C-alpha cells in the first residue's frame, strides 16, 4: 500500500503532455457535436460512452485510433456528448440517441458506418435500428446485461440507491459513483497499477502514456438522472436490451435483426464489460486485451486498429 500511495503521489505531480489539438465540428444537435477527423474513404461515426470523455479514441500523439484511421483509408467522425445542460435531468440513454445522436447522423447527410465503444456501442445498436448504417461495429459493448456477475450488478444497484438522494438534487449522477463501481470490479489491479507507476522513470513514454490514460479515466461529466436510472435499473437491473424489450425512436431494438453487416469486437480478458455480455449479433472478433487496452494498448494497432480499418474499407452495404 505504501508503494501504491507513492505511485498516486507521483501521478498527481506528473508533468502533463498537451493533448492533440481539437478537431472542427461539422454538425451539432443540442450540446452534442460531431467532430471531423478528415481523411479519404468511407465515413465512420464513432459513438463513445456517456461515461468518461470521448477522447480515449484520440488519446495522445502517436496513440490515436481516429487519427490513425484518418491516415489509413477511413474518414472518422467522433460524437462529443459534452456535459448535461439545465433542463436535461430526465434525458435517458435512449433519449440521448433520439435527441442528440440521430440528429447528428441526419446532419452528416452521407452514408456512414457506425462504430460504438463500451456503452456507446449499446447506443450505436439503438441508432442502427433507426438509421441503417453501412455497417455496425461494436467494441467492448454490453448488451446482455445478465452476462455481468451478480456481484457486479448488485454492487451497482447498491451504489445507485445510496447516490440517489444526491443525484436527484443535482439532476445528475456524478461520474465518481460509476468510477467507484469500476474500482470494485478489480481493486487489485487499481492498486497494482499505481505501484508500477511509482517505479517508472517520469520522463519515459510508458509513464507519459499512463498519465494520459489515467487523466482520461478520472475525468468525465455526470450522467443525467434519467440516463443513470435507465442504465442501472433497466439495463443492468432488468436486462431490457438482452431480452429485446428496449425501445429507441419507437422501435424495439434487436441487433440480430439489423439489415446491415455487424462486427462485434470483444475481449476475453475484459474485466469491465465481460465477454458474456456481448450481443454477438454478427461477425465476432475476440481479443485478449483489457477493456481500455484493446483501444490504446501497445498491441492495439495490430489487433484492433488494422482489422477495423480493413472492415470499414471493404464492407459494402
C-alpha atoms as a PDB file:
ATOM      1  CA  UNK A   1       0.000   0.000   0.000  1.00  0.00           C
ATOM      2  CA  UNK A   2       2.898   2.335   0.745  1.00  0.00           C
ATOM      3  CA  UNK A   3       4.238   1.751  -2.775  1.00  0.00           C
ATOM      4  CA  UNK A   4       0.783   2.341  -4.274  1.00  0.00           C
ATOM      5  CA  UNK A   5       0.367   5.614  -2.374  1.00  0.00           C
ATOM      6  CA  UNK A   6       3.787   6.721  -3.577  1.00  0.00           C
ATOM      7  CA  UNK A   7       2.621   5.946  -7.113  1.00  0.00           C
ATOM      8  CA  UNK A   8      -0.539   8.002  -6.615  1.00  0.00           C
ATOM      9  CA  UNK A   9       1.548  10.946  -5.401  1.00  0.00           C
ATOM     10  CA  UNK A  10       3.871  10.594  -8.392  1.00  0.00           C
ATOM     11  CA  UNK A  11       0.853  10.549 -10.712  1.00  0.00           C
ATOM     12  CA  UNK A  12      -0.596  13.682  -9.112  1.00  0.00           C
ATOM     13  CA  UNK A  13       2.698  15.521  -9.540  1.00  0.00           C
ATOM     14  CA  UNK A  14       3.497  14.258 -13.045  1.00  0.00           C
ATOM     15  CA  UNK A  15       4.023  16.697 -15.904  1.00  0.00           C
ATOM     16  CA  UNK A  16       1.164  16.582 -18.413  1.00  0.00           C
ATOM     17  CA  UNK A  17       1.798  16.383 -22.156  1.00  0.00           C
ATOM     18  CA  UNK A  18      -0.619  18.562 -24.146  1.00  0.00           C
ATOM     19  CA  UNK A  19      -3.312  16.572 -25.906  1.00  0.00           C
ATOM     20  CA  UNK A  20      -3.703  16.675 -29.707  1.00  0.00           C
ATOM     21  CA  UNK A  21      -5.425  19.807 -30.974  1.00  0.00           C
ATOM     22  CA  UNK A  22      -9.225  19.880 -31.210  1.00  0.00           C
ATOM     23  CA  UNK A  23     -10.990  18.870 -34.395  1.00  0.00           C
ATOM     24  CA  UNK A  24     -13.628  21.024 -36.134  1.00  0.00           C
ATOM     25  CA  UNK A  25     -17.310  20.290 -35.623  1.00  0.00           C
ATOM     26  CA  UNK A  26     -19.303  19.589 -38.790  1.00  0.00           C
ATOM     27  CA  UNK A  27     -22.678  19.238 -37.073  1.00  0.00           C
ATOM     28  CA  UNK A  28     -24.336  19.871 -33.734  1.00  0.00           C
ATOM     29  CA  UNK A  29     -27.516  18.784 -32.006  1.00  0.00           C
ATOM     30  CA  UNK A  30     -28.194  20.487 -28.713  1.00  0.00           C
ATOM     31  CA  UNK A  31     -24.999  20.216 -26.692  1.00  0.00           C
ATOM     32  CA  UNK A  32     -23.609  17.327 -28.775  1.00  0.00           C
ATOM     33  CA  UNK A  33     -21.171  17.894 -31.648  1.00  0.00           C
ATOM     34  CA  UNK A  34     -19.823  15.742 -34.458  1.00  0.00           C
ATOM     35  CA  UNK A  35     -16.060  16.226 -34.770  1.00  0.00           C
ATOM     36  CA  UNK A  36     -14.382  15.714 -38.144  1.00  0.00           C
ATOM     37  CA  UNK A  37     -11.051  13.856 -38.268  1.00  0.00           C
ATOM     38  CA  UNK A  38     -10.701  14.130 -42.043  1.00  0.00           C
ATOM     39  CA  UNK A  39      -9.287  11.575 -44.430  1.00  0.00           C
ATOM     40  CA  UNK A  40     -10.268   9.814 -47.616  1.00  0.00           C
ATOM     41  CA  UNK A  41     -12.526   6.799 -47.691  1.00  0.00           C
ATOM     42  CA  UNK A  42     -15.835   5.765 -46.171  1.00  0.00           C
ATOM     43  CA  UNK A  43     -17.320   7.801 -43.335  1.00  0.00           C
ATOM     44  CA  UNK A  44     -17.377   6.187 -39.901  1.00  0.00           C
ATOM     45  CA  UNK A  45     -19.143   7.835 -36.966  1.00  0.00           C
ATOM     46  CA  UNK A  46     -17.637   6.802 -33.629  1.00  0.00           C
ATOM     47  CA  UNK A  47     -20.016   6.781 -30.667  1.00  0.00           C
ATOM     48  CA  UNK A  48     -18.244   6.913 -27.284  1.00  0.00           C
ATOM     49  CA  UNK A  49     -19.751   6.040 -23.944  1.00  0.00           C
ATOM     50  CA  UNK A  50     -21.612   8.607 -21.873  1.00  0.00           C
ATOM     51  CA  UNK A  51     -19.167   7.638 -19.109  1.00  0.00           C
ATOM     52  CA  UNK A  52     -15.723   9.340 -19.297  1.00  0.00           C
ATOM     53  CA  UNK A  53     -14.761  11.763 -22.072  1.00  0.00           C
ATOM     54  CA  UNK A  54     -14.734  10.658 -25.731  1.00  0.00           C
ATOM     55  CA  UNK A  55     -11.023  11.240 -26.285  1.00  0.00           C
ATOM     56  CA  UNK A  56      -9.935   7.705 -25.345  1.00  0.00           C
ATOM     57  CA  UNK A  57     -10.337   7.224 -29.113  1.00  0.00           C
ATOM     58  CA  UNK A  58      -7.936  10.150 -29.658  1.00  0.00           C
ATOM     59  CA  UNK A  59      -5.798   9.783 -26.575  1.00  0.00           C
ATOM     60  CA  UNK A  60      -2.388  11.208 -27.465  1.00  0.00           C
ATOM     61  CA  UNK A  61       0.019  11.980 -30.273  1.00  0.00           C
ATOM     62  CA  UNK A  62       1.068   8.595 -31.608  1.00  0.00           C
ATOM     63  CA  UNK A  63      -1.743   6.798 -29.812  1.00  0.00           C
ATOM     64  CA  UNK A  64      -4.959   7.881 -31.514  1.00  0.00           C
ATOM     65  CA  UNK A  65      -7.224   5.363 -33.199  1.00  0.00           C
ATOM     66  CA  UNK A  66      -9.113   8.118 -35.020  1.00  0.00           C
ATOM     67  CA  UNK A  67      -6.065   9.957 -36.378  1.00  0.00           C
ATOM     68  CA  UNK A  68      -4.530   6.672 -37.488  1.00  0.00           C
ATOM     69  CA  UNK A  69      -7.712   5.662 -39.319  1.00  0.00           C
ATOM     70  CA  UNK A  70      -7.822   9.082 -40.977  1.00  0.00           C
ATOM     71  CA  UNK A  71      -4.396   8.362 -42.479  1.00  0.00           C
ATOM     72  CA  UNK A  72      -5.337   4.812 -43.442  1.00  0.00           C
ATOM     73  CA  UNK A  73      -8.333   4.918 -45.730  1.00  0.00           C
ATOM     74  CA  UNK A  74     -11.201   5.888 -43.402  1.00  0.00           C
ATOM     75  CA  UNK A  75     -12.900   9.244 -42.722  1.00  0.00           C
ATOM     76  CA  UNK A  76     -13.707   9.149 -38.984  1.00  0.00           C
ATOM     77  CA  UNK A  77     -16.115  11.404 -37.103  1.00  0.00           C
ATOM     78  CA  UNK A  78     -16.434  11.457 -33.308  1.00  0.00           C
ATOM     79  CA  UNK A  79     -19.528  12.223 -31.263  1.00  0.00           C
ATOM     80  CA  UNK A  80     -18.736  14.592 -28.391  1.00  0.00           C
ATOM     81  CA  UNK A  81     -21.651  14.398 -25.929  1.00  0.00           C
ATOM     82  CA  UNK A  82     -20.445  17.349 -23.801  1.00  0.00           C
ATOM     83  CA  UNK A  83     -21.804  17.915 -20.288  1.00  0.00           C
ATOM     84  CA  UNK A  84     -25.522  17.751 -19.484  1.00  0.00           C
ATOM     85  CA  UNK A  85     -27.308  21.073 -19.526  1.00  0.00           C
ATOM     86  CA  UNK A  86     -30.053  22.550 -17.380  1.00  0.00           C
ATOM     87  CA  UNK A  87     -33.410  21.007 -18.173  1.00  0.00           C
ATOM     88  CA  UNK A  88     -31.965  17.636 -19.238  1.00  0.00           C
ATOM     89  CA  UNK A  89     -32.334  15.778 -15.945  1.00  0.00           C
ATOM     90  CA  UNK A  90     -34.890  13.340 -17.371  1.00  0.00           C
ATOM     91  CA  UNK A  91     -32.917  12.552 -20.548  1.00  0.00           C
ATOM     92  CA  UNK A  92     -32.446   8.773 -20.655  1.00  0.00           C
ATOM     93  CA  UNK A  93     -29.865   6.703 -22.523  1.00  0.00           C
ATOM     94  CA  UNK A  94     -32.435   6.151 -25.285  1.00  0.00           C
ATOM     95  CA  UNK A  95     -33.239   9.865 -25.131  1.00  0.00           C
ATOM     96  CA  UNK A  96     -29.607  10.716 -25.880  1.00  0.00           C
ATOM     97  CA  UNK A  97     -29.871   8.609 -29.027  1.00  0.00           C
ATOM     98  CA  UNK A  98     -33.182  10.122 -30.118  1.00  0.00           C
ATOM     99  CA  UNK A  99     -32.484  13.795 -29.408  1.00  0.00           C
ATOM    100  CA  UNK A 100     -28.711  14.003 -29.951  1.00  0.00           C
ATOM    101  CA  UNK A 101     -27.220  11.092 -31.903  1.00  0.00           C
ATOM    102  CA  UNK A 102     -29.859  10.604 -34.606  1.00  0.00           C
ATOM    103  CA  UNK A 103     -29.936  14.331 -35.498  1.00  0.00           C
ATOM    104  CA  UNK A 104     -26.137  14.279 -35.812  1.00  0.00           C
ATOM    105  CA  UNK A 105     -26.340  11.325 -38.207  1.00  0.00           C
ATOM    106  CA  UNK A 106     -29.046  13.067 -40.216  1.00  0.00           C
ATOM    107  CA  UNK A 107     -26.959  16.243 -40.404  1.00  0.00           C
ATOM    108  CA  UNK A 108     -23.961  14.356 -41.777  1.00  0.00           C
ATOM    109  CA  UNK A 109     -26.035  13.641 -44.879  1.00  0.00           C
ATOM    110  CA  UNK A 110     -23.822  10.862 -46.248  1.00  0.00           C
ATOM    111  CA  UNK A 111     -23.805   7.090 -45.766  1.00  0.00           C
ATOM    112  CA  UNK A 112     -21.647   6.073 -42.838  1.00  0.00           C
ATOM    113  CA  UNK A 113     -20.525   3.183 -40.709  1.00  0.00           C
ATOM    114  CA  UNK A 114     -21.422   3.310 -37.009  1.00  0.00           C
ATOM    115  CA  UNK A 115     -18.732   2.321 -34.519  1.00  0.00           C
ATOM    116  CA  UNK A 116     -19.556   2.287 -30.813  1.00  0.00           C
ATOM    117  CA  UNK A 117     -17.276   1.788 -27.814  1.00  0.00           C
ATOM    118  CA  UNK A 118     -18.495   0.482 -24.435  1.00  0.00           C
ATOM    119  CA  UNK A 119     -21.947   1.947 -23.644  1.00  0.00           C
ATOM    120  CA  UNK A 120     -21.533   3.935 -26.854  1.00  0.00           C
ATOM    121  CA  UNK A 121     -21.773   0.617 -28.665  1.00  0.00           C
ATOM    122  CA  UNK A 122     -25.065  -0.142 -26.946  1.00  0.00           C
ATOM    123  CA  UNK A 123     -26.269   3.260 -28.109  1.00  0.00           C
ATOM    124  CA  UNK A 124     -24.920   2.673 -31.631  1.00  0.00           C
ATOM    125  CA  UNK A 125     -27.008  -0.510 -31.821  1.00  0.00           C
ATOM    126  CA  UNK A 126     -30.078   1.544 -30.905  1.00  0.00           C
ATOM    127  CA  UNK A 127     -29.209   4.157 -33.535  1.00  0.00           C
ATOM    128  CA  UNK A 128     -28.617   1.471 -36.176  1.00  0.00           C
ATOM    129  CA  UNK A 129     -32.159   0.203 -35.641  1.00  0.00           C
ATOM    130  CA  UNK A 130     -33.453   3.680 -36.522  1.00  0.00           C
ATOM    131  CA  UNK A 131     -30.929   4.717 -39.216  1.00  0.00           C
ATOM    132  CA  UNK A 132     -29.460   1.786 -41.126  1.00  0.00           C
ATOM    133  CA  UNK A 133     -25.678   2.380 -41.439  1.00  0.00           C
ATOM    134  CA  UNK A 134     -23.231   0.935 -43.962  1.00  0.00           C
ATOM    135  CA  UNK A 135     -22.223  -1.393 -41.152  1.00  0.00           C
ATOM    136  CA  UNK A 136     -22.248  -1.508 -37.374  1.00  0.00           C
ATOM    137  CA  UNK A 137     -19.147  -2.175 -35.289  1.00  0.00           C
ATOM    138  CA  UNK A 138     -19.324  -2.567 -31.527  1.00  0.00           C
ATOM    139  CA  UNK A 139     -16.206  -2.602 -29.342  1.00  0.00           C
ATOM    140  CA  UNK A 140     -16.276  -3.877 -25.762  1.00  0.00           C
ATOM    141  CA  UNK A 141     -20.028  -3.312 -25.804  1.00  0.00           C
ATOM    142  CA  UNK A 142     -22.508  -4.626 -23.220  1.00  0.00           C
ATOM    143  CA  UNK A 143     -25.862  -5.857 -24.489  1.00  0.00           C
ATOM    144  CA  UNK A 144     -26.798  -8.932 -22.461  1.00  0.00           C
ATOM    145  CA  UNK A 145     -26.508  -7.374 -19.033  1.00  0.00           C
ATOM    146  CA  UNK A 146     -27.224 -10.687 -17.331  1.00  0.00           C
ATOM    147  CA  UNK A 147     -23.702 -11.562 -18.532  1.00  0.00           C
ATOM    148  CA  UNK A 148     -22.330  -9.395 -15.723  1.00  0.00           C
ATOM    149  CA  UNK A 149     -21.777 -11.142 -12.416  1.00  0.00           C
ATOM    150  CA  UNK A 150     -24.498 -10.946  -9.793  1.00  0.00           C
ATOM    151  CA  UNK A 151     -21.944  -9.261  -7.524  1.00  0.00           C
ATOM    152  CA  UNK A 152     -21.292  -6.502 -10.057  1.00  0.00           C
ATOM    153  CA  UNK A 153     -24.980  -5.883 -10.745  1.00  0.00           C
ATOM    154  CA  UNK A 154     -25.912  -5.893  -7.057  1.00  0.00           C
ATOM    155  CA  UNK A 155     -22.975  -3.623  -6.215  1.00  0.00           C
ATOM    156  CA  UNK A 156     -24.023  -1.085  -8.820  1.00  0.00           C
ATOM    157  CA  UNK A 157     -27.617  -1.195  -7.587  1.00  0.00           C
ATOM    158  CA  UNK A 158     -26.413  -0.503  -4.046  1.00  0.00           C
ATOM    159  CA  UNK A 159     -24.253   2.413  -5.195  1.00  0.00           C
ATOM    160  CA  UNK A 160     -27.217   3.818  -7.113  1.00  0.00           C
ATOM    161  CA  UNK A 161     -29.502   3.510  -4.098  1.00  0.00           C
ATOM    162  CA  UNK A 162     -27.002   5.362  -1.920  1.00  0.00           C
ATOM    163  CA  UNK A 163     -26.359   8.025  -4.567  1.00  0.00           C
ATOM    164  CA  UNK A 164     -29.998   8.653  -5.476  1.00  0.00           C
ATOM    165  CA  UNK A 165     -30.767  11.449  -2.988  1.00  0.00           C
ATOM    166  CA  UNK A 166     -27.726  13.483  -4.070  1.00  0.00           C
ATOM    167  CA  UNK A 167     -28.272  12.651  -7.740  1.00  0.00           C
ATOM    168  CA  UNK A 168     -31.920  13.686  -7.537  1.00  0.00           C
ATOM    169  CA  UNK A 169     -30.937  17.021  -6.003  1.00  0.00           C
ATOM    170  CA  UNK A 170     -28.317  17.597  -8.717  1.00  0.00           C
ATOM    171  CA  UNK A 171     -30.401  16.219 -11.572  1.00  0.00           C
ATOM    172  CA  UNK A 172     -27.406  14.049 -12.471  1.00  0.00           C
ATOM    173  CA  UNK A 173     -25.235  11.255 -11.117  1.00  0.00           C
ATOM    174  CA  UNK A 174     -21.595  12.257 -10.565  1.00  0.00           C
ATOM    175  CA  UNK A 175     -19.098  10.239 -12.558  1.00  0.00           C
ATOM    176  CA  UNK A 176     -17.319   9.316  -9.311  1.00  0.00           C
ATOM    177  CA  UNK A 177     -20.189   6.969  -8.436  1.00  0.00           C
ATOM    178  CA  UNK A 178     -19.571   4.881 -11.540  1.00  0.00           C
ATOM    179  CA  UNK A 179     -15.819   5.161 -11.037  1.00  0.00           C
ATOM    180  CA  UNK A 180     -16.286   3.541  -7.646  1.00  0.00           C
ATOM    181  CA  UNK A 181     -18.164   0.704  -9.326  1.00  0.00           C
ATOM    182  CA  UNK A 182     -15.289   0.185 -11.778  1.00  0.00           C
ATOM    183  CA  UNK A 183     -12.724   0.125  -8.970  1.00  0.00           C
ATOM    184  CA  UNK A 184     -14.715  -2.524  -7.120  1.00  0.00           C
ATOM    185  CA  UNK A 185     -14.655  -4.806 -10.156  1.00  0.00           C
ATOM    186  CA  UNK A 186     -10.885  -5.252  -9.852  1.00  0.00           C
ATOM    187  CA  UNK A 187      -9.371  -3.495  -6.815  1.00  0.00           C
ATOM    188  CA  UNK A 188      -6.120  -5.444  -7.057  1.00  0.00           C
ATOM    189  CA  UNK A 189      -5.347  -4.034 -10.491  1.00  0.00           C
ATOM    190  CA  UNK A 190      -6.161  -0.499  -9.327  1.00  0.00           C
ATOM    191  CA  UNK A 191      -3.606  -0.768  -6.517  1.00  0.00           C
ATOM    192  CA  UNK A 192      -1.069  -2.631  -8.646  1.00  0.00           C
ATOM    193  CA  UNK A 193      -1.006  -0.115 -11.473  1.00  0.00           C
ATOM    194  CA  UNK A 194      -0.027   2.712  -9.123  1.00  0.00           C
ATOM    195  CA  UNK A 195       2.670   0.551  -7.543  1.00  0.00           C
ATOM    196  CA  UNK A 196       4.024   0.022 -11.058  1.00  0.00           C
ATOM    197  CA  UNK A 197       3.818   3.715 -11.939  1.00  0.00           C
ATOM    198  CA  UNK A 198       5.793   4.703  -8.853  1.00  0.00           C
ATOM    199  CA  UNK A 199       8.740   2.694 -10.201  1.00  0.00           C
ATOM    200  CA  UNK A 200       8.756   4.281 -13.671  1.00  0.00           C
ATOM    201  CA  UNK A 201      11.025   6.999 -14.977  1.00  0.00           C
ATOM    202  CA  UNK A 202       8.639  10.009 -15.110  1.00  0.00           C
ATOM    203  CA  UNK A 203      10.120  11.039 -18.470  1.00  0.00           C
ATOM    204  CA  UNK A 204       9.576   7.645 -20.105  1.00  0.00           C
ATOM    205  CA  UNK A 205       6.996   7.037 -22.826  1.00  0.00           C
ATOM    206  CA  UNK A 206       5.342   4.457 -20.588  1.00  0.00           C
ATOM    207  CA  UNK A 207       4.934   6.964 -17.754  1.00  0.00           C
ATOM    208  CA  UNK A 208       3.530   9.634 -20.087  1.00  0.00           C
ATOM    209  CA  UNK A 209       1.100   7.095 -21.528  1.00  0.00           C
ATOM    210  CA  UNK A 210      -0.027   6.085 -18.043  1.00  0.00           C
ATOM    211  CA  UNK A 211      -0.700   9.699 -17.054  1.00  0.00           C
ATOM    212  CA  UNK A 212      -2.685  10.393 -20.233  1.00  0.00           C
ATOM    213  CA  UNK A 213      -4.837   7.317 -19.710  1.00  0.00           C
ATOM    214  CA  UNK A 214      -5.432   7.916 -16.007  1.00  0.00           C
ATOM    215  CA  UNK A 215      -6.352  11.545 -16.647  1.00  0.00           C
ATOM    216  CA  UNK A 216      -8.965  10.307 -19.118  1.00  0.00           C
ATOM    217  CA  UNK A 217     -10.261   7.593 -16.760  1.00  0.00           C
ATOM    218  CA  UNK A 218     -10.649  10.048 -13.871  1.00  0.00           C
ATOM    219  CA  UNK A 219     -12.442  12.680 -15.915  1.00  0.00           C
ATOM    220  CA  UNK A 220     -15.914  12.993 -17.360  1.00  0.00           C
ATOM    221  CA  UNK A 221     -19.206  14.800 -16.953  1.00  0.00           C
ATOM    222  CA  UNK A 222     -22.018  13.439 -14.785  1.00  0.00           C
ATOM    223  CA  UNK A 223     -24.786  11.277 -16.187  1.00  0.00           C
ATOM    224  CA  UNK A 224     -28.218  12.824 -16.395  1.00  0.00           C
ATOM    225  CA  UNK A 225     -30.547  11.433 -13.764  1.00  0.00           C
ATOM    226  CA  UNK A 226     -32.657   9.793 -16.478  1.00  0.00           C
ATOM    227  CA  UNK A 227     -29.653   8.090 -18.102  1.00  0.00           C
ATOM    228  CA  UNK A 228     -28.352   6.855 -14.743  1.00  0.00           C
ATOM    229  CA  UNK A 229     -31.769   5.475 -13.800  1.00  0.00           C
ATOM    230  CA  UNK A 230     -32.197   3.680 -17.134  1.00  0.00           C
ATOM    231  CA  UNK A 231     -28.653   2.324 -17.073  1.00  0.00           C
ATOM    232  CA  UNK A 232     -28.826   0.938 -13.546  1.00  0.00           C
ATOM    233  CA  UNK A 233     -32.461  -0.082 -13.245  1.00  0.00           C
ATOM    234  CA  UNK A 234     -33.439  -1.086 -16.782  1.00  0.00           C
ATOM    235  CA  UNK A 235     -30.227  -2.219 -18.476  1.00  0.00           C
ATOM    236  CA  UNK A 236     -28.270  -3.680 -15.566  1.00  0.00           C
ATOM    237  CA  UNK A 237     -31.281  -4.457 -13.396  1.00  0.00           C
ATOM    238  CA  UNK A 238     -33.852  -5.757 -15.882  1.00  0.00           C
ATOM    239  CA  UNK A 239     -31.657  -6.634 -18.884  1.00  0.00           C
ATOM    240  CA  UNK A 240     -34.141  -4.923 -21.223  1.00  0.00           C
ATOM    241  CA  UNK A 241     -31.635  -4.924 -24.096  1.00  0.00           C
ATOM    242  CA  UNK A 242     -30.732  -8.598 -23.818  1.00  0.00           C
ATOM    243  CA  UNK A 243     -34.406  -9.537 -23.594  1.00  0.00           C
ATOM    244  CA  UNK A 244     -35.349  -7.434 -26.643  1.00  0.00           C
ATOM    245  CA  UNK A 245     -37.521  -5.040 -24.614  1.00  0.00           C
ATOM    246  CA  UNK A 246     -35.534  -1.836 -25.183  1.00  0.00           C
ATOM    247  CA  UNK A 247     -37.145   0.767 -27.424  1.00  0.00           C
ATOM    248  CA  UNK A 248     -35.424   3.584 -29.290  1.00  0.00           C
ATOM    249  CA  UNK A 249     -37.291   6.007 -31.534  1.00  0.00           C
ATOM    250  CA  UNK A 250     -40.428   3.880 -31.151  1.00  0.00           C
ATOM    251  CA  UNK A 251     -38.682   0.673 -32.307  1.00  0.00           C
ATOM    252  CA  UNK A 252     -37.815  -2.407 -30.285  1.00  0.00           C
ATOM    253  CA  UNK A 253     -34.083  -2.899 -30.806  1.00  0.00           C
ATOM    254  CA  UNK A 254     -32.786  -6.315 -31.861  1.00  0.00           C
ATOM    255  CA  UNK A 255     -29.158  -6.329 -33.077  1.00  0.00           C
ATOM    256  CA  UNK A 256     -29.683  -9.726 -34.724  1.00  0.00           C
ATOM    257  CA  UNK A 257     -32.376  -8.232 -36.990  1.00  0.00           C
ATOM    258  CA  UNK A 258     -30.344  -5.292 -38.298  1.00  0.00           C
ATOM    259  CA  UNK A 259     -30.247  -5.137 -42.129  1.00  0.00           C
ATOM    260  CA  UNK A 260     -26.536  -4.303 -42.226  1.00  0.00           C
ATOM    261  CA  UNK A 261     -23.249  -6.138 -41.636  1.00  0.00           C
ATOM    262  CA  UNK A 262     -22.275  -6.273 -37.952  1.00  0.00           C
ATOM    263  CA  UNK A 263     -18.859  -6.773 -36.347  1.00  0.00           C
ATOM    264  CA  UNK A 264     -18.714  -7.338 -32.579  1.00  0.00           C
ATOM    265  CA  UNK A 265     -15.201  -6.837 -31.162  1.00  0.00           C
ATOM    266  CA  UNK A 266     -14.970  -8.339 -27.697  1.00  0.00           C
ATOM    267  CA  UNK A 267     -12.208  -9.181 -25.246  1.00  0.00           C
ATOM    268  CA  UNK A 268     -11.845 -12.421 -23.365  1.00  0.00           C
ATOM    269  CA  UNK A 269      -9.932 -10.569 -20.631  1.00  0.00           C
ATOM    270  CA  UNK A 270     -12.234  -7.548 -20.247  1.00  0.00           C
ATOM    271  CA  UNK A 271     -12.992  -7.044 -16.545  1.00  0.00           C
ATOM    272  CA  UNK A 272     -15.223  -4.007 -17.119  1.00  0.00           C
ATOM    273  CA  UNK A 273     -17.512  -5.443 -19.828  1.00  0.00           C
ATOM    274  CA  UNK A 274     -17.309  -9.258 -19.701  1.00  0.00           C
ATOM    275  CA  UNK A 275     -17.465 -11.127 -22.986  1.00  0.00           C
ATOM    276  CA  UNK A 276     -20.601 -12.906 -21.759  1.00  0.00           C
ATOM    277  CA  UNK A 277     -22.468  -9.595 -22.067  1.00  0.00           C
ATOM    278  CA  UNK A 278     -21.729  -9.167 -25.801  1.00  0.00           C
ATOM    279  CA  UNK A 279     -24.571  -9.262 -28.316  1.00  0.00           C
ATOM    280  CA  UNK A 280     -22.647 -11.471 -30.794  1.00  0.00           C
ATOM    281  CA  UNK A 281     -25.052 -10.321 -33.484  1.00  0.00           C
ATOM    282  CA  UNK A 282     -22.783 -10.800 -36.490  1.00  0.00           C
ATOM    283  CA  UNK A 283     -19.125 -11.494 -37.103  1.00  0.00           C
ATOM    284  CA  UNK A 284     -17.144 -11.713 -33.858  1.00  0.00           C
ATOM    285  CA  UNK A 285     -13.519 -10.700 -33.309  1.00  0.00           C
ATOM    286  CA  UNK A 286     -12.196 -11.860 -29.937  1.00  0.00           C
ATOM    287  CA  UNK A 287      -9.144 -10.120 -28.468  1.00  0.00           C
ATOM    288  CA  UNK A 288      -7.095 -10.745 -25.330  1.00  0.00           C
ATOM    289  CA  UNK A 289      -6.519  -7.178 -24.145  1.00  0.00           C
ATOM    290  CA  UNK A 290      -8.425  -5.406 -21.413  1.00  0.00           C
ATOM    291  CA  UNK A 291     -11.346  -3.024 -21.819  1.00  0.00           C
ATOM    292  CA  UNK A 292      -9.178   0.031 -22.496  1.00  0.00           C
ATOM    293  CA  UNK A 293      -6.007  -1.718 -23.624  1.00  0.00           C
ATOM    294  CA  UNK A 294      -7.792  -3.093 -26.675  1.00  0.00           C
ATOM    295  CA  UNK A 295      -8.125   0.512 -27.939  1.00  0.00           C
ATOM    296  CA  UNK A 296      -4.941   2.219 -26.679  1.00  0.00           C
ATOM    297  CA  UNK A 297      -2.584  -0.553 -25.558  1.00  0.00           C
ATOM    298  CA  UNK A 298       0.747  -1.447 -27.097  1.00  0.00           C
ATOM    299  CA  UNK A 299      -0.771  -4.163 -29.296  1.00  0.00           C
ATOM    300  CA  UNK A 300      -3.925  -2.226 -30.213  1.00  0.00           C
ATOM    301  CA  UNK A 301      -2.744  -1.207 -33.677  1.00  0.00           C
ATOM    302  CA  UNK A 302      -2.159  -4.788 -34.802  1.00  0.00           C
ATOM    303  CA  UNK A 303      -5.093  -6.407 -33.054  1.00  0.00           C
ATOM    304  CA  UNK A 304      -7.870  -3.798 -33.367  1.00  0.00           C
ATOM    305  CA  UNK A 305      -6.927  -0.737 -35.454  1.00  0.00           C
ATOM    306  CA  UNK A 306      -5.812  -2.650 -38.539  1.00  0.00           C
ATOM    307  CA  UNK A 307      -8.704  -5.180 -38.607  1.00  0.00           C
ATOM    308  CA  UNK A 308     -11.148  -2.310 -38.035  1.00  0.00           C
ATOM    309  CA  UNK A 309      -9.693  -0.281 -40.912  1.00  0.00           C
ATOM    310  CA  UNK A 310      -9.944  -3.324 -43.171  1.00  0.00           C
ATOM    311  CA  UNK A 311     -13.595  -3.883 -42.196  1.00  0.00           C
ATOM    312  CA  UNK A 312     -14.580  -0.259 -42.703  1.00  0.00           C
ATOM    313  CA  UNK A 313     -12.792  -0.078 -46.048  1.00  0.00           C
ATOM    314  CA  UNK A 314     -14.095  -3.333 -47.502  1.00  0.00           C
ATOM    315  CA  UNK A 315     -17.583  -3.947 -46.125  1.00  0.00           C
ATOM    316  CA  UNK A 316     -20.283  -2.827 -48.519  1.00  0.00           C
ATOM    317  CA  UNK A 317     -23.898  -2.004 -47.682  1.00  0.00           C
END
